[in-house]
Amino acid sequence: MVSIIIINYNTYGLTTACIRSIYAHTKRIPFEVILVDNASTECDPDEFSSAFPSIRLIKSDKNLGFAGGNNLGIQHSKGDHILLLNSDVELNEDSISISYDAFLRSDSVGFLGCRMEYPSGQVQYTARRFRSISWELMDLFRFIPALMPYEKRARRMMGKYFRHDRSLECDWLNGAFLLFSRTLLTGFPAQQLDDRFFMYAEDQLWCEQTKELGLRNYFISDTTIVHVNSGSSSIRKQLFNRSTMFRHELAIMRQRKGMGFYYGCFYLIYGLKEQSRNAIKWVLYQLTGRLIR
């Protein structure tokens, strides 16, 4: 059985659409839906139970964040496999069964994720490489990967350089859809998902820890889900979120490489890139009133 963990925080409309799509499309495997309400104020969480009597509703008395909320849901789950599913995801086909089948066919898999699109149909960058000095420089001087054959560029860079048109091993996956075996957690700190980050970059941290255990993270293109991922409507909030992500990515790099020369060079390159991009975002917003991702 697959235990599907969904975190709700003031997203009643999105969450109900997500749950409705699960029941409409998941046909070939047994599953349970565990909804963790992270101390929402939008509505009475019991409205979810009224709308979906078969779900298991867990009401937290405080906002535990993404990792903490998922750990709470996992504690109440029964499945041998866990799927972390964002509340702003909708299924258009039996993506959970397809992903589960792919997981069982694969060896030494830690996390498995699938292809994602925005509601517009634009692909999301689900499969990624870990940041490194070489990746940052090639991303900065984009004519270099542009000169590579597509196959080499896609595997070397992934993310926005990859069309997400085939299944492959990657470094880390978007946390909106993460399937894994319950036994994976036995190798994690405290035998649960690492919750040092309240929000942002948790998926990257967990995938890093999975690779440290000698397991692979795998992306499949066999099925596609819709991930709204609307982002912040405030420039200040967006820049705050990017700043938080920056700090967390640096923490992951310190875990991977330590505090030596490599980290110092990475910090300089990555920091300058982020500062420049944030400045461009701010200027464009002031000139046009439009937010860019």
Protein backbone atom coordinates (compact mmCIF):
# COMPACT_ATOMS: atom_id res chain seq x y z
CA MET A 1 0.00 0.00 0.00
CA VAL A 2 1.08 3.57 -0.70
CA SER A 3 0.49 6.17 2.00
CA ILE A 4 -0.09 9.55 0.33
CA ILE A 5 0.86 12.42 2.64
CA ILE A 6 -0.56 15.87 1.85
CA ILE A 7 0.14 19.02 3.86
CA ASN A 8 -2.55 21.68 3.96
CA TYR A 9 -1.84 25.24 5.05
CA ASN A 10 -4.62 27.62 4.06
CA THR A 11 -5.07 26.04 0.61
CA TYR A 12 -8.53 24.50 0.92
CA GLY A 13 -9.46 24.87 -2.75
CA LEU A 14 -6.18 23.44 -4.07
CA THR A 15 -6.11 20.66 -1.49
CA THR A 16 -9.64 19.46 -2.24
CA ALA A 17 -8.87 19.46 -5.97
CA CYS A 18 -5.74 17.42 -5.28
CA ILE A 19 -7.56 14.83 -3.17
CA ARG A 20 -10.41 14.61 -5.67
CA SER A 21 -7.94 13.89 -8.47
CA ILE A 22 -6.29 11.12 -6.43
CA TYR A 23 -9.56 9.25 -5.97
CA ALA A 24 -10.56 9.85 -9.58
CA HIS A 25 -7.38 8.45 -11.14
CA THR A 26 -5.64 6.05 -8.74
CA LYS A 27 -7.06 2.65 -9.66
CA ARG A 28 -4.41 -0.09 -9.72
CA ILE A 29 -2.84 0.03 -6.25
CA PRO A 30 -4.18 0.20 -2.69
CA PHE A 31 -3.57 3.56 -1.04
CA GLU A 32 -4.50 5.75 1.88
CA VAL A 33 -4.66 9.54 1.98
CA ILE A 34 -3.32 11.22 5.09
CA LEU A 35 -3.99 14.94 5.26
CA VAL A 36 -2.00 16.97 7.77
CA ASP A 37 -3.48 20.37 8.49
CA ASN A 38 -0.62 22.61 9.58
CA ALA A 39 -2.66 24.86 11.92
CA SER A 40 -4.57 26.52 9.07
CA THR A 41 -6.84 29.48 9.78
CA GLU A 42 -8.65 29.56 6.43
CA CYS A 43 -11.40 27.14 7.43
CA ASP A 44 -12.29 24.38 9.86
CA PRO A 45 -10.09 21.38 8.91
CA ASP A 46 -13.03 19.06 9.62
CA GLU A 47 -14.49 20.28 6.33
CA PHE A 48 -11.98 17.97 4.62
CA SER A 49 -13.35 14.96 6.50
CA SER A 50 -16.88 15.95 5.53
CA ALA A 51 -15.88 16.18 1.87
CA PHE A 52 -13.71 13.03 1.91
CA PRO A 53 -14.80 10.64 4.69
CA SER A 54 -12.14 8.05 3.83
CA ILE A 55 -9.10 10.28 4.41
CA ARG A 56 -7.20 10.32 7.67
CA LEU A 57 -7.11 13.90 8.94
CA ILE A 58 -4.31 14.91 11.31
CA LYS A 59 -4.72 18.33 12.88
CA SER A 60 -1.53 19.95 14.12
CA ASP A 61 -1.85 22.69 16.71
CA LYS A 62 1.07 24.57 15.14
CA ASN A 63 2.62 25.02 11.73
CA LEU A 64 5.36 22.38 11.55
CA GLY A 65 6.59 23.36 8.10
CA PHE A 66 6.91 20.99 5.16
CA ALA A 67 9.29 18.45 6.71
CA GLY A 68 7.67 18.47 10.14
CA GLY A 69 4.20 18.14 8.71
CA ASN A 70 5.22 15.20 6.54
CA ASN A 71 6.93 13.48 9.47
CA LEU A 72 3.71 13.83 11.45
CA GLY A 73 1.75 12.29 8.59
CA ILE A 74 4.24 9.45 8.20
CA GLN A 75 3.86 8.63 11.90
CA HIS A 76 0.16 7.96 11.26
CA SER A 77 0.67 6.07 7.99
CA LYS A 78 0.52 2.32 7.36
CA GLY A 79 1.93 1.85 3.86
CA ASP A 80 5.20 0.19 2.95
CA HIS A 81 5.71 3.05 0.50
CA ILE A 82 5.25 6.77 1.10
CA LEU A 83 4.30 9.46 -1.41
CA LEU A 84 4.81 13.09 -0.43
CA LEU A 85 2.35 15.03 -2.57
CA ASN A 86 1.97 18.81 -2.59
CA SER A 87 -1.52 20.17 -2.06
CA ASP A 88 -1.26 22.16 -5.31
CA VAL A 89 -0.84 19.05 -7.48
CA GLU A 90 -3.56 17.54 -9.67
CA LEU A 91 -3.48 14.17 -11.39
CA ASN A 92 -4.83 13.66 -14.91
CA GLU A 93 -4.00 9.96 -15.08
CA ASP A 94 -3.00 7.12 -12.77
CA SER A 95 0.38 8.72 -12.06
CA ILE A 96 0.73 7.14 -8.62
CA SER A 97 0.32 3.58 -9.90
CA ILE A 98 2.66 4.24 -12.83
CA SER A 99 5.29 5.67 -10.49
CA TYR A 100 4.87 2.83 -8.01
CA ASP A 101 5.39 0.26 -10.76
CA ALA A 102 8.53 2.08 -11.93
CA PHE A 103 9.82 2.18 -8.36
CA LEU A 104 9.43 -1.59 -7.98
CA ARG A 105 11.22 -2.20 -11.30
CA SER A 106 14.23 -0.11 -10.29
CA ASP A 107 17.17 -1.15 -8.15
CA SER A 108 18.66 0.82 -5.26
CA VAL A 109 16.23 3.73 -5.59
CA GLY A 110 15.90 6.25 -2.79
CA PHE A 111 13.41 8.79 -4.13
CA LEU A 112 11.43 8.62 -7.35
CA GLY A 113 9.72 11.59 -8.99
CA CYS A 114 7.76 12.12 -12.17
CA ARG A 115 7.34 14.72 -14.89
CA MET A 116 5.53 17.94 -13.90
CA GLU A 117 3.91 20.73 -15.85
CA TYR A 118 2.42 24.10 -14.98
CA PRO A 119 -1.30 24.46 -15.77
CA SER A 120 -0.21 26.20 -18.99
CA GLY A 121 1.51 23.01 -20.13
CA GLN A 122 5.02 24.39 -19.66
CA VAL A 123 7.38 21.79 -18.26
CA GLN A 124 8.76 22.22 -14.73
CA TYR A 125 12.38 21.51 -13.91
CA THR A 126 11.85 18.42 -11.80
CA ALA A 127 15.11 16.48 -12.28
CA ARG A 128 18.22 18.40 -11.25
CA ARG A 129 21.93 18.21 -10.63
CA PHE A 130 23.41 19.32 -7.33
CA ARG A 131 25.04 22.71 -7.52
CA SER A 132 28.80 22.75 -8.03
CA ILE A 133 31.43 25.22 -9.18
CA SER A 134 31.46 23.74 -12.68
CA TRP A 135 27.66 23.77 -12.91
CA GLU A 136 27.47 27.40 -11.79
CA LEU A 137 30.11 28.48 -14.31
CA MET A 138 28.46 26.63 -17.17
CA ASP A 139 25.12 28.14 -16.20
CA LEU A 140 26.73 31.58 -16.12
CA PHE A 141 28.42 31.15 -19.51
CA ARG A 142 25.49 29.48 -21.23
CA PHE A 143 27.09 29.42 -24.64
CA ILE A 144 29.17 26.47 -23.38
CA PRO A 145 26.26 24.06 -22.75
CA ALA A 146 24.54 25.51 -25.84
CA LEU A 147 27.41 24.14 -27.94
CA MET A 148 26.99 20.64 -26.52
CA PRO A 149 24.84 17.97 -28.19
CA TYR A 150 21.45 17.87 -26.47
CA GLU A 151 22.02 14.43 -24.92
CA LYS A 152 25.27 15.49 -23.28
CA ARG A 153 23.88 18.86 -22.18
CA ALA A 154 20.76 17.30 -20.67
CA ARG A 155 22.65 14.72 -18.64
CA ARG A 156 25.43 17.11 -17.62
CA MET A 157 23.21 20.01 -16.54
CA MET A 158 19.62 18.73 -16.19
CA GLY A 159 17.10 21.24 -14.80
CA LYS A 160 16.24 23.87 -17.39
CA TYR A 161 18.71 22.31 -19.85
CA PHE A 162 16.72 19.06 -19.92
CA ARG A 163 13.39 18.65 -21.74
CA HIS A 164 12.25 16.03 -19.23
CA ASP A 165 11.46 13.79 -22.17
CA ARG A 166 13.06 10.59 -20.86
CA SER A 167 13.57 8.70 -17.61
CA LEU A 168 16.98 8.90 -15.95
CA GLU A 169 18.93 9.03 -12.70
CA CYS A 170 19.39 12.51 -11.27
CA ASP A 171 20.85 14.12 -8.16
CA TRP A 172 17.66 15.54 -6.72
CA LEU A 173 13.96 15.88 -7.41
CA ASN A 174 11.21 18.42 -6.86
CA GLY A 175 9.53 17.67 -3.53
CA ALA A 176 6.01 18.14 -4.90
CA PHE A 177 5.95 14.43 -5.78
CA LEU A 178 8.38 12.14 -3.93
CA LEU A 179 7.84 8.40 -3.73
CA PHE A 180 10.03 6.24 -1.48
CA SER A 181 10.07 3.09 0.61
CA ARG A 182 9.43 3.41 4.33
CA THR A 183 12.67 1.51 4.95
CA LEU A 184 14.62 4.48 3.54
CA LEU A 185 13.95 6.41 6.74
CA THR A 186 15.93 3.91 8.81
CA GLY A 187 19.09 5.43 7.32
CA PHE A 188 18.07 9.04 7.96
CA PRO A 189 18.90 11.12 11.06
CA ALA A 190 16.46 10.20 13.85
CA GLN A 191 14.92 7.74 11.35
CA GLN A 192 12.69 10.43 9.88
CA LEU A 193 12.86 13.13 7.23
CA ASP A 194 15.46 15.70 8.23
CA ASP A 195 13.48 18.72 9.44
CA ARG A 196 16.29 21.23 10.01
CA PHE A 197 14.77 23.43 7.27
CA PHE A 198 11.30 24.75 8.01
CA MET A 199 10.72 25.35 4.31
CA TYR A 200 12.67 25.33 1.01
CA ALA A 201 15.47 22.97 -0.12
CA GLU A 202 14.24 20.07 2.03
CA ASP A 203 13.92 17.93 -1.10
CA GLN A 204 17.52 18.64 -2.06
CA LEU A 205 18.74 17.86 1.46
CA TRP A 206 16.88 14.54 1.56
CA CYS A 207 18.17 13.54 -1.87
CA GLU A 208 21.71 14.37 -0.75
CA GLN A 209 21.27 12.14 2.29
CA THR A 210 19.86 9.39 0.10
CA LYS A 211 22.92 9.43 -2.16
CA GLU A 212 25.13 9.32 0.95
CA LEU A 213 23.39 6.02 1.73
CA GLY A 214 24.49 4.68 -1.67
CA LEU A 215 21.03 4.91 -3.23
CA ARG A 216 19.91 6.56 -6.47
CA ASN A 217 17.31 9.22 -7.11
CA TYR A 218 15.30 8.59 -10.24
CA PHE A 219 13.11 10.66 -12.53
CA ILE A 220 10.51 9.08 -14.80
CA SER A 221 8.93 10.70 -17.84
CA ASP A 222 6.26 7.99 -18.16
CA THR A 223 3.58 10.10 -16.49
CA THR A 224 2.91 13.81 -16.00
CA ILE A 225 1.21 15.66 -13.17
CA VAL A 226 0.05 19.28 -13.01
CA HIS A 227 1.80 21.34 -10.34
CA VAL A 228 0.36 24.82 -9.88
CA ASN A 229 3.40 26.21 -8.01
CA SER A 230 2.10 29.75 -8.42
CA GLY A 231 4.80 31.35 -6.29
CA SER A 232 4.59 34.58 -4.35
CA SER A 233 2.70 37.59 -5.69
CA SER A 234 4.96 39.95 -3.72
CA ILE A 235 8.44 40.94 -4.88
CA ARG A 236 9.60 41.24 -1.27
CA LYS A 237 8.27 37.79 -0.44
CA GLN A 238 9.83 36.30 -3.55
CA LEU A 239 13.22 37.77 -2.73
CA PHE A 240 12.91 36.62 0.89
CA ASN A 241 12.16 33.10 -0.33
CA ARG A 242 15.17 33.16 -2.64
CA SER A 243 17.34 34.36 0.22
CA THR A 244 16.12 31.47 2.36
CA MET A 245 16.83 29.00 -0.43
CA PHE A 246 20.31 30.49 -0.85
CA ARG A 247 21.15 29.96 2.84
CA HIS A 248 19.85 26.40 2.77
CA GLU A 249 21.76 25.51 -0.38
CA LEU A 250 24.94 26.80 1.22
CA ALA A 251 24.25 24.62 4.26
CA ILE A 252 23.89 21.59 1.99
CA MET A 253 27.14 22.45 0.23
CA ARG A 254 28.92 22.69 3.58
CA GLN A 255 27.62 19.24 4.41
CA ARG A 256 28.86 17.93 1.08
CA LYS A 257 32.24 19.66 0.81
CA GLY A 258 33.08 21.12 4.23
CA MET A 259 34.29 24.68 4.82
CA GLY A 260 37.47 24.59 2.76
CA PHE A 261 38.69 26.21 -0.45
CA TYR A 262 36.04 24.61 -2.64
CA TYR A 263 33.22 25.98 -0.48
CA GLY A 264 34.76 29.46 -0.51
CA CYS A 265 34.95 29.51 -4.31
CA PHE A 266 31.43 28.16 -4.64
CA TYR A 267 30.11 30.75 -2.20
CA LEU A 268 31.68 33.56 -4.20
CA ILE A 269 30.38 32.41 -7.58
CA TYR A 270 26.92 31.36 -6.45
CA GLY A 271 26.52 34.43 -4.23
CA LEU A 272 27.41 36.85 -7.01
CA LYS A 273 25.00 35.12 -9.39
CA GLU A 274 22.14 35.24 -6.90
CA GLN A 275 22.74 38.87 -5.98
CA SER A 276 22.80 39.83 -9.65
CA ARG A 277 19.63 37.92 -10.47
CA ASN A 278 17.77 39.34 -7.50
CA ALA A 279 18.81 42.85 -8.48
CA ILE A 280 17.54 42.25 -12.03
CA LYS A 281 14.24 40.92 -10.68
CA TRP A 282 13.85 44.02 -8.50
CA VAL A 283 14.64 46.45 -11.32
CA LEU A 284 12.28 44.71 -13.76
CA TYR A 285 9.53 44.73 -11.17
CA GLN A 286 10.00 48.45 -10.54
CA LEU A 287 9.94 49.18 -14.28
CA THR A 288 7.13 46.85 -15.37
CA GLY A 289 5.27 45.79 -12.23
CA ARG A 290 5.71 42.15 -13.31
CA LEU A 291 7.25 39.36 -11.29
CA ILE A 292 9.50 36.86 -13.06
CA ARG A 293 10.27 33.39 -11.74
